Amino acid sequence: MVEFLKEQEVIPAQEKNELEQTVASIIQQVRNEGDIALKGFLKKFDKVEIDDLKVSEDDVLEAKKKLPATLIEDMAFSIERIRAFAEAQRRTLTEFEQEMIPGVHLGQKVIPIESVGAYVPGGRYPLLSSAQMAIIPAKVAGVSNIRVCTPPTKEGVIHPAVLYAAHQSGADEIFSLGGAQAIAALAYGTETVSPVNKITGPGNRFVTEAKRQVNGVVGIDLLAGPSEVLVLADKTAQAEYVASDLLAQSEHDIDAQGILVTTSRELGLEVIHEIEKQLQTLPTAKVARESWRRRGQVILAESLDEAISITNHLAAEHLHVQVEEAYSHLDKLTNYGSLFLGENASVVFADKVCGTNHILPTNAAAKYTGGVWVGTFLKVVTYQRIENEGVTQLAPHCVRQSNREGLIGHLRSANIRLTGKLDIEENI
């Protein structure tokens, strides 16, 4: 029987409705007023006035001058790790053509999306890795134009490390824009921002809601955010590790979620205590504490099988398995954005530098999709090449099926290739 040692608060429906209405209003204003609306929102939300929304080459060079050599070195390391993994993924997507039956040749092409908008969050912290995660796989895929939107700091400029990371990752255009208004600009276009075919990247609830509302006008990667982590642990787990892993995601946003599913009551209670202890010295405690208070959960299961069942049902963005012989449970775990096996496989390694992508499904979307990868930016499409021999095999079946369905236009299109006539005999 499942027991909650700590439960999350329920978000009122009214709060969700207000979010939808606010975002819809922002999108409509951007559609109606273009750049004027974007500059107005910069003044209203970011408290800055910017004349030129688009970043120049000189801006990038100035940003680089402000960065320490060690940061540039670390950035180069993580860019190479992310690129190498994306290139390995790209090699798994192949084109082919095969003669399926005599005269019928079917094939598959892998074509890059022409233009992509990458949203890079700003908010409380400069998320350098988000720029890399959204841009590098698109570049490896062969996207010809990558437009990046990221909010400015209170000084009215993009954080230099974020700007340089976006540039080094392969951005073609960078704009000082954040929030739902940036998503609207990428979807519908303005005088300065050209519209794209697909939008990718994580963000706060306003960004996520905006992506949901423009989906269909443009493609989106997924509705990613706020951050989630679920730690699956047994009595062998270390409470200090578990607590630090939960707080690492909680510090992102007050809407972020940390969940512990455990088979050990002792561990569960110890982790709750340890979180309070670590919060005392955590510089980001103001956000992390509120996130843990509102959305944190500790769930006690009677057995590991039950714990795995709960885990698969919750389908968290990050799933960190800290149980004995964690790797042996790989095939039992089916719903997650990204999986971390063993206590050493900290989520933060993937968040930053190891190479896998950290733009992942949240809100149980991992039940039907994975995260961003190089395939996010590729279209796998089919083609057909049919010879006369193929027509003789396909057309009779197609003619009879079309006749039964009453689709005579279909029938004629097939029959004229088989017999040279539009219509068929009455007794077919």
Protein backbone atom coordinates (compact mmCIF):
# COMPACT_ATOMS: atom_id res chain seq x y z
CA MET A 1 0.00 0.00 0.00
CA VAL A 2 1.33 3.41 -1.00
CA GLU A 3 1.90 5.96 1.76
CA PHE A 4 2.78 9.64 1.38
CA LEU A 5 5.41 10.82 3.85
CA LYS A 6 5.12 14.22 2.16
CA GLU A 7 2.50 15.42 -0.33
CA GLN A 8 2.48 18.32 -2.80
CA GLU A 9 0.05 21.19 -2.88
CA VAL A 10 -2.71 21.20 -5.49
CA ILE A 11 -2.52 24.05 -8.00
CA PRO A 12 -5.97 25.73 -8.21
CA ALA A 13 -7.77 25.53 -11.57
CA GLN A 14 -8.27 29.29 -11.46
CA GLU A 15 -4.51 29.82 -11.55
CA LYS A 16 -4.25 27.71 -14.72
CA ASN A 17 -7.12 29.60 -16.39
CA GLU A 18 -5.52 32.94 -15.59
CA LEU A 19 -2.24 31.74 -17.10
CA GLU A 20 -3.96 30.70 -20.34
CA GLN A 21 -5.74 34.04 -20.66
CA THR A 22 -2.62 36.08 -19.91
CA VAL A 23 -0.54 34.22 -22.48
CA ALA A 24 -3.29 34.41 -25.11
CA SER A 25 -3.43 38.18 -24.64
CA ILE A 26 0.36 38.49 -25.04
CA ILE A 27 0.36 36.41 -28.22
CA GLN A 28 -2.46 38.41 -29.76
CA GLN A 29 -0.74 41.70 -28.97
CA VAL A 30 2.48 40.53 -30.65
CA ARG A 31 0.50 39.42 -33.72
CA ASN A 32 -1.23 42.79 -33.91
CA GLU A 33 1.62 45.16 -33.07
CA GLY A 34 4.84 43.30 -33.90
CA ASP A 35 8.06 44.94 -32.69
CA ILE A 36 6.16 47.65 -30.82
CA ALA A 37 4.55 44.98 -28.62
CA LEU A 38 7.89 43.22 -28.09
CA LYS A 39 9.57 46.42 -26.94
CA GLY A 40 6.62 47.23 -24.74
CA PHE A 41 6.84 43.84 -23.03
CA LEU A 42 10.59 44.31 -22.53
CA LYS A 43 9.83 47.53 -20.71
CA LYS A 44 6.94 46.01 -18.73
CA PHE A 45 8.37 42.62 -17.74
CA ASP A 46 12.17 43.00 -18.03
CA LYS A 47 12.30 46.68 -16.98
CA VAL A 48 14.60 47.57 -19.89
CA GLU A 49 14.34 49.61 -23.07
CA ILE A 50 16.06 48.14 -26.14
CA ASP A 51 16.12 49.76 -29.58
CA ASP A 52 17.71 46.91 -31.53
CA LEU A 53 16.25 43.52 -30.62
CA LYS A 54 18.76 41.63 -32.75
CA VAL A 55 22.24 40.96 -31.39
CA SER A 56 25.19 42.09 -33.54
CA GLU A 57 28.59 40.47 -34.13
CA ASP A 58 30.14 43.26 -32.07
CA ASP A 59 27.86 42.33 -29.17
CA VAL A 60 29.17 38.75 -29.31
CA LEU A 61 32.80 39.90 -29.34
CA GLU A 62 32.16 42.19 -26.37
CA ALA A 63 30.50 39.32 -24.51
CA LYS A 64 33.52 37.08 -25.05
CA LYS A 65 35.86 39.72 -23.58
CA LYS A 66 33.91 39.60 -20.32
CA LEU A 67 34.30 35.84 -19.84
CA PRO A 68 37.13 34.14 -17.94
CA ALA A 69 39.29 31.72 -19.90
CA THR A 70 38.18 28.80 -17.73
CA LEU A 71 34.53 29.42 -18.58
CA ILE A 72 35.32 29.50 -22.30
CA GLU A 73 37.26 26.24 -21.86
CA ASP A 74 34.38 24.58 -19.98
CA MET A 75 31.95 25.78 -22.61
CA ALA A 76 34.06 24.29 -25.40
CA PHE A 77 34.16 20.97 -23.53
CA SER A 78 30.39 20.74 -23.09
CA ILE A 79 29.71 21.87 -26.68
CA GLU A 80 31.97 19.10 -27.97
CA ARG A 81 30.28 16.50 -25.73
CA ILE A 82 26.79 17.53 -26.88
CA ARG A 83 27.85 17.67 -30.53
CA ALA A 84 29.50 14.24 -30.39
CA PHE A 85 26.38 12.62 -28.95
CA ALA A 86 24.11 14.38 -31.48
CA GLU A 87 26.37 13.18 -34.32
CA ALA A 88 26.19 9.62 -32.96
CA GLN A 89 22.39 9.89 -32.91
CA ARG A 90 22.33 11.28 -36.46
CA ARG A 91 24.20 8.23 -37.73
CA THR A 92 21.33 6.02 -36.55
CA LEU A 93 18.90 7.77 -38.94
CA THR A 94 19.42 6.39 -42.42
CA GLU A 95 17.86 6.81 -45.82
CA PHE A 96 16.94 3.81 -47.94
CA GLU A 97 15.11 2.66 -51.04
CA GLN A 98 13.85 -0.91 -51.41
CA GLU A 99 11.92 -2.80 -54.08
CA MET A 100 9.13 -4.18 -51.89
CA ILE A 101 7.44 -6.16 -54.66
CA PRO A 102 8.46 -6.27 -58.34
CA GLY A 103 8.17 -2.80 -59.82
CA VAL A 104 7.30 -1.05 -56.54
CA HIS A 105 10.19 0.94 -55.05
CA LEU A 106 9.62 2.61 -51.67
CA GLY A 107 12.07 4.86 -49.95
CA GLN A 108 12.80 7.06 -46.96
CA LYS A 109 14.46 10.46 -46.90
CA VAL A 110 15.78 12.33 -43.86
CA ILE A 111 15.45 16.09 -44.43
CA PRO A 112 16.40 18.91 -42.03
CA ILE A 113 13.74 21.42 -40.98
CA GLU A 114 14.55 24.72 -42.69
CA SER A 115 14.23 27.12 -39.75
CA VAL A 116 14.10 26.60 -36.00
CA GLY A 117 13.52 28.93 -33.08
CA ALA A 118 15.50 28.07 -29.96
CA TYR A 119 14.27 29.53 -26.68
CA VAL A 120 16.95 29.91 -24.03
CA PRO A 121 15.65 30.77 -20.54
CA GLY A 122 17.10 33.63 -18.56
CA GLY A 123 15.28 34.08 -15.28
CA ARG A 124 17.28 33.76 -12.09
CA TYR A 125 20.36 32.06 -13.52
CA PRO A 126 22.31 32.18 -16.81
CA LEU A 127 21.54 28.74 -18.26
CA LEU A 128 24.47 28.27 -20.60
CA SER A 129 23.69 24.63 -21.26
CA SER A 130 20.16 25.36 -22.43
CA ALA A 131 21.58 27.33 -25.35
CA GLN A 132 23.80 24.41 -26.26
CA MET A 133 21.07 21.78 -25.87
CA ALA A 134 18.60 23.64 -28.10
CA ILE A 135 21.04 24.74 -30.81
CA ILE A 136 23.72 22.06 -31.29
CA PRO A 137 21.42 19.14 -32.25
CA ALA A 138 19.67 21.45 -34.75
CA LYS A 139 23.04 22.40 -36.23
CA VAL A 140 24.12 18.76 -36.47
CA ALA A 141 20.78 17.94 -38.14
CA GLY A 142 21.54 20.53 -40.83
CA VAL A 143 18.98 23.24 -39.99
CA SER A 144 19.87 26.21 -42.19
CA ASN A 145 18.59 29.00 -39.94
CA ILE A 146 18.53 28.86 -36.15
CA ARG A 147 16.99 31.89 -34.44
CA VAL A 148 17.57 32.22 -30.71
CA CYS A 149 15.47 34.22 -28.26
CA THR A 150 16.71 34.81 -24.73
CA PRO A 151 15.72 37.51 -22.23
CA PRO A 152 18.05 40.36 -21.34
CA THR A 153 19.38 41.05 -17.87
CA LYS A 154 18.30 44.08 -15.86
CA GLU A 155 21.18 45.94 -17.54
CA GLY A 156 19.42 45.53 -20.86
CA VAL A 157 21.85 43.05 -22.43
CA ILE A 158 21.94 39.28 -22.72
CA HIS A 159 24.17 37.65 -20.12
CA PRO A 160 27.58 37.46 -21.87
CA ALA A 161 28.05 33.75 -21.14
CA VAL A 162 24.61 32.87 -22.53
CA LEU A 163 25.21 35.04 -25.59
CA TYR A 164 28.62 33.52 -26.30
CA ALA A 165 27.32 29.99 -25.67
CA ALA A 166 24.52 30.53 -28.19
CA HIS A 167 26.94 31.95 -30.75
CA GLN A 168 29.48 29.14 -30.31
CA SER A 169 26.75 26.52 -30.50
CA GLY A 170 25.77 27.70 -33.98
CA ALA A 171 23.01 30.30 -33.68
CA ASP A 172 22.44 32.26 -36.88
CA GLU A 173 20.44 35.07 -35.26
CA ILE A 174 20.07 36.02 -31.59
CA PHE A 175 17.38 38.29 -30.16
CA SER A 176 17.00 39.97 -26.76
CA LEU A 177 13.54 38.58 -26.12
CA GLY A 178 12.05 36.38 -23.44
CA GLY A 179 8.75 35.02 -22.20
CA ALA A 180 5.55 34.25 -24.05
CA GLN A 181 6.14 37.24 -26.32
CA ALA A 182 9.32 35.64 -27.69
CA ILE A 183 7.41 32.47 -28.54
CA ALA A 184 4.75 34.56 -30.28
CA ALA A 185 7.41 36.37 -32.31
CA LEU A 186 9.01 33.11 -33.43
CA ALA A 187 5.63 31.67 -34.37
CA TYR A 188 4.07 34.62 -36.20
CA GLY A 189 7.00 36.88 -36.99
CA THR A 190 7.43 40.64 -36.56
CA GLU A 191 9.32 43.34 -38.44
CA THR A 192 12.58 42.11 -36.89
CA VAL A 193 12.00 38.43 -36.10
CA SER A 194 11.19 36.15 -39.02
CA PRO A 195 8.85 33.24 -38.23
CA VAL A 196 10.24 29.72 -37.94
CA ASN A 197 8.96 26.24 -38.72
CA LYS A 198 9.54 24.77 -35.26
CA ILE A 199 10.22 26.09 -31.76
CA THR A 200 12.33 24.27 -29.21
CA GLY A 201 13.70 24.89 -25.75
CA PRO A 202 12.55 24.87 -22.11
CA GLY A 203 11.05 27.73 -20.17
CA ASN A 204 8.83 28.83 -17.33
CA ARG A 205 5.09 28.24 -17.26
CA PHE A 206 4.41 31.29 -19.45
CA VAL A 207 6.79 30.05 -22.14
CA THR A 208 5.39 26.53 -21.94
CA GLU A 209 1.82 27.78 -22.19
CA ALA A 210 2.75 29.96 -25.17
CA LYS A 211 4.28 26.97 -26.93
CA ARG A 212 1.09 25.02 -26.28
CA GLN A 213 -1.02 27.80 -27.79
CA VAL A 214 1.06 28.25 -30.97
CA ASN A 215 1.44 24.52 -31.57
CA GLY A 216 -0.04 23.87 -34.99
CA VAL A 217 0.89 27.28 -36.34
CA VAL A 218 4.44 26.01 -35.90
CA GLY A 219 5.81 22.73 -34.65
CA ILE A 220 7.14 22.48 -31.11
CA ASP A 221 9.54 20.04 -29.56
CA LEU A 222 7.50 19.36 -26.44
CA LEU A 223 6.04 21.14 -23.43
CA ALA A 224 9.16 21.14 -21.29
CA GLY A 225 9.12 22.66 -17.87
CA PRO A 226 9.23 23.40 -15.06
CA SER A 227 11.92 20.93 -14.07
CA GLU A 228 11.13 17.56 -12.45
CA VAL A 229 13.25 14.88 -10.82
CA LEU A 230 12.14 11.58 -9.36
CA VAL A 231 14.60 9.63 -7.25
CA LEU A 232 13.84 5.92 -6.92
CA ALA A 233 15.70 4.69 -3.86
CA ASP A 234 15.97 1.76 -1.48
CA LYS A 235 17.67 1.39 1.88
CA THR A 236 21.11 1.36 0.26
CA ALA A 237 20.78 4.96 -0.93
CA GLN A 238 22.58 7.79 0.84
CA ALA A 239 20.24 10.44 2.20
CA GLU A 240 22.78 13.21 1.56
CA TYR A 241 22.97 12.28 -2.13
CA VAL A 242 19.21 12.00 -2.52
CA ALA A 243 18.53 15.31 -0.79
CA SER A 244 21.12 17.14 -2.88
CA ASP A 245 19.66 15.64 -6.08
CA LEU A 246 16.14 16.77 -5.17
CA LEU A 247 17.29 20.28 -4.27
CA ALA A 248 19.38 20.59 -7.43
CA GLN A 249 16.17 20.59 -9.47
CA SER A 250 14.10 22.46 -6.89
CA GLU A 251 16.38 25.48 -7.10
CA HIS A 252 15.37 26.05 -10.75
CA ASP A 253 11.92 27.42 -10.05
CA ILE A 254 9.25 27.48 -7.36
CA ASP A 255 7.16 25.33 -9.73
CA ALA A 256 9.92 22.73 -10.11
CA GLN A 257 9.22 19.34 -8.57
CA GLY A 258 11.32 16.87 -6.59
CA ILE A 259 9.88 13.43 -5.80
CA LEU A 260 11.32 10.57 -3.80
CA VAL A 261 9.83 7.10 -4.24
CA THR A 262 11.36 4.70 -1.77
CA THR A 263 10.92 1.31 -0.19
CA SER A 264 12.54 2.51 3.05
CA ARG A 265 10.57 4.54 5.58
CA GLU A 266 13.81 5.27 7.41
CA LEU A 267 15.42 6.69 4.27
CA GLY A 268 12.32 8.74 3.42
CA LEU A 269 12.24 10.42 6.81
CA GLU A 270 16.00 10.91 6.78
CA VAL A 271 15.83 12.62 3.37
CA ILE A 272 13.12 14.99 4.59
CA HIS A 273 15.36 15.91 7.52
CA GLU A 274 18.44 16.18 5.31
CA ILE A 275 16.69 18.53 2.88
CA GLU A 276 15.91 20.92 5.72
CA LYS A 277 19.52 20.67 6.83
CA GLN A 278 20.95 21.38 3.38
CA LEU A 279 18.57 24.28 2.84
CA GLN A 280 20.23 26.07 5.76
CA THR A 281 23.41 26.53 3.71
CA LEU A 282 22.06 26.57 0.15
CA PRO A 283 22.44 30.05 -1.44
CA THR A 284 19.38 29.38 -3.63
CA ALA A 285 17.30 28.25 -0.66
CA LYS A 286 14.61 30.89 -1.12
CA VAL A 287 13.49 29.28 -4.38
CA ALA A 288 14.38 25.68 -3.50
CA ARG A 289 12.54 25.77 -0.17
CA GLU A 290 9.36 27.12 -1.74
CA SER A 291 9.56 24.57 -4.55
CA TRP A 292 10.03 21.71 -2.07
CA ARG A 293 7.25 22.99 0.18
CA ARG A 294 4.75 23.35 -2.66
CA ARG A 295 5.59 20.46 -4.94
CA GLY A 296 7.93 18.09 -3.14
CA GLN A 297 6.76 14.53 -2.46
CA VAL A 298 8.06 11.51 -0.58
CA ILE A 299 6.20 8.32 -1.44
CA LEU A 300 6.68 5.07 0.47
CA ALA A 301 6.11 1.79 -1.42
CA GLU A 302 5.86 -1.69 0.07
CA SER A 303 8.17 -3.30 -2.48
CA LEU A 304 10.59 -2.38 -5.24
CA ASP A 305 8.14 -3.68 -7.85
CA GLU A 306 5.46 -1.34 -6.48
CA ALA A 307 7.97 1.52 -6.41
CA ILE A 308 8.84 0.88 -10.06
CA SER A 309 5.13 0.81 -10.95
CA ILE A 310 4.63 4.19 -9.24
CA THR A 311 7.68 5.54 -11.03
CA ASN A 312 6.43 4.42 -14.43
CA HIS A 313 3.03 5.98 -13.70
CA LEU A 314 4.49 9.35 -12.71
CA ALA A 315 6.71 9.44 -15.83
CA ALA A 316 9.08 12.11 -14.54
CA GLU A 317 11.40 14.26 -16.61
CA HIS A 318 14.55 13.01 -14.83
CA LEU A 319 14.53 9.56 -13.23
CA HIS A 320 17.47 8.86 -10.95
CA VAL A 321 17.68 5.25 -9.76
CA GLN A 322 19.59 4.85 -6.51
CA VAL A 323 18.91 1.23 -5.63
CA GLU A 324 21.11 -1.81 -5.30
CA GLU A 325 22.23 -3.03 -8.74
CA ALA A 326 20.43 -0.17 -10.44
CA TYR A 327 21.42 -1.21 -13.99
CA SER A 328 19.64 -4.56 -13.61
CA HIS A 329 16.29 -2.71 -13.54
CA LEU A 330 16.83 -0.89 -16.85
CA ASP A 331 14.21 -2.85 -18.80
CA LYS A 332 11.54 -2.52 -16.09
CA LEU A 333 11.64 1.28 -16.23
CA THR A 334 9.63 2.52 -19.21
CA ASN A 335 8.42 6.09 -18.66
CA TYR A 336 11.00 8.86 -18.18
CA GLY A 337 12.55 11.74 -20.05
CA SER A 338 16.08 10.64 -19.26
CA LEU A 339 17.32 7.86 -17.00
CA PHE A 340 20.20 8.02 -14.51
CA LEU A 341 21.39 4.68 -13.18
CA GLY A 342 23.30 4.46 -9.92
CA GLU A 343 24.13 7.05 -7.29
CA ASN A 344 27.06 8.46 -9.28
CA ALA A 345 24.91 9.26 -12.33
CA SER A 346 23.86 12.67 -11.08
CA VAL A 347 21.26 14.48 -13.16
CA VAL A 348 23.44 17.58 -13.09
CA PHE A 349 26.07 15.88 -15.27
CA ALA A 350 23.51 15.54 -18.07
CA ASP A 351 22.10 18.99 -17.32
CA LYS A 352 25.49 20.48 -18.07
CA VAL A 353 28.26 18.52 -19.75
CA CYS A 354 28.00 14.79 -20.42
CA GLY A 355 26.33 15.08 -23.84
CA THR A 356 22.74 13.87 -23.59
CA ASN A 357 20.04 16.52 -23.98
CA HIS A 358 18.34 18.11 -20.97
CA ILE A 359 15.28 19.43 -22.83
CA LEU A 360 12.94 16.67 -21.70
CA PRO A 361 9.20 15.92 -21.34
CA THR A 362 7.46 16.96 -18.13
CA ASN A 363 3.94 16.56 -16.74
CA ALA A 364 3.93 12.82 -17.55
CA ALA A 365 4.51 13.44 -21.28
CA ALA A 366 7.30 10.86 -21.01
CA LYS A 367 4.54 8.27 -21.36
CA TYR A 368 4.42 9.05 -25.07
CA THR A 369 7.57 10.95 -26.04
CA GLY A 370 11.25 11.28 -25.35
CA GLY A 371 13.25 14.49 -25.14
CA VAL A 372 14.90 16.73 -27.70
CA TRP A 373 17.47 14.99 -29.88
CA VAL A 374 18.92 15.43 -33.34
CA GLY A 375 15.80 13.76 -34.78
CA THR A 376 13.70 16.62 -33.38
CA PHE A 377 15.07 18.75 -36.20
CA LEU A 378 14.71 16.20 -39.00
CA LYS A 379 11.73 15.14 -41.08
CA VAL A 380 11.67 11.42 -41.93
CA VAL A 381 9.58 11.34 -45.10
CA THR A 382 8.71 8.66 -47.63
CA TYR A 383 8.65 8.44 -51.43
CA GLN A 384 7.39 5.95 -54.02
CA ARG A 385 8.70 4.96 -57.46
CA ILE A 386 6.39 2.58 -59.30
CA GLU A 387 7.18 0.88 -62.62
CA ASN A 388 4.73 -0.77 -65.04
CA GLU A 389 5.27 -4.12 -63.38
CA GLY A 390 4.29 -2.56 -60.09
CA VAL A 391 1.09 -1.08 -61.55
CA THR A 392 -0.09 -4.54 -62.61
CA GLN A 393 0.31 -5.75 -59.03
CA LEU A 394 -1.11 -2.76 -57.19
CA ALA A 395 -3.87 -1.41 -59.43
CA PRO A 396 -6.36 -4.32 -59.38
CA HIS A 397 -6.46 -4.27 -55.58
CA CYS A 398 -6.72 -0.49 -55.52
CA VAL A 399 -9.51 -0.43 -58.13
CA ARG A 400 -11.64 -2.97 -56.25
CA GLN A 401 -11.14 -1.30 -52.86
CA SER A 402 -11.93 2.17 -54.27
CA ASN A 403 -15.09 0.79 -55.91
CA ARG A 404 -16.28 -0.72 -52.63
CA GLU A 405 -15.67 2.59 -50.85
CA GLY A 406 -17.49 4.56 -53.54
CA LEU A 407 -14.42 6.64 -54.31
CA ILE A 408 -14.68 6.58 -58.09
CA GLY A 409 -12.07 9.29 -58.59
CA HIS A 410 -9.59 7.04 -56.82
CA LEU A 411 -10.73 4.10 -58.94
CA ARG A 412 -10.21 6.02 -62.19
CA SER A 413 -6.73 7.23 -61.15
CA ALA A 414 -5.64 3.64 -60.63
CA ASN A 415 -7.54 2.05 -63.53
CA ILE A 416 -6.29 4.41 -66.23
CA ARG A 417 -2.74 3.29 -65.43
CA LEU A 418 -3.76 -0.37 -65.58
CA THR A 419 -6.06 -0.44 -68.62
CA GLY A 420 -5.80 2.97 -70.24
CA LYS A 421 -9.48 3.57 -69.42
CA LEU A 422 -11.11 5.68 -66.72
CA ASP A 423 -14.00 3.39 -65.86
CA ILE A 424 -14.27 -0.35 -65.24
CA GLU A 425 -16.73 -3.02 -66.31
CA GLU A 426 -19.97 -3.13 -64.31
CA ASN A 427 -19.36 -6.69 -63.08
CA ILE A 428 -16.04 -6.07 -61.36
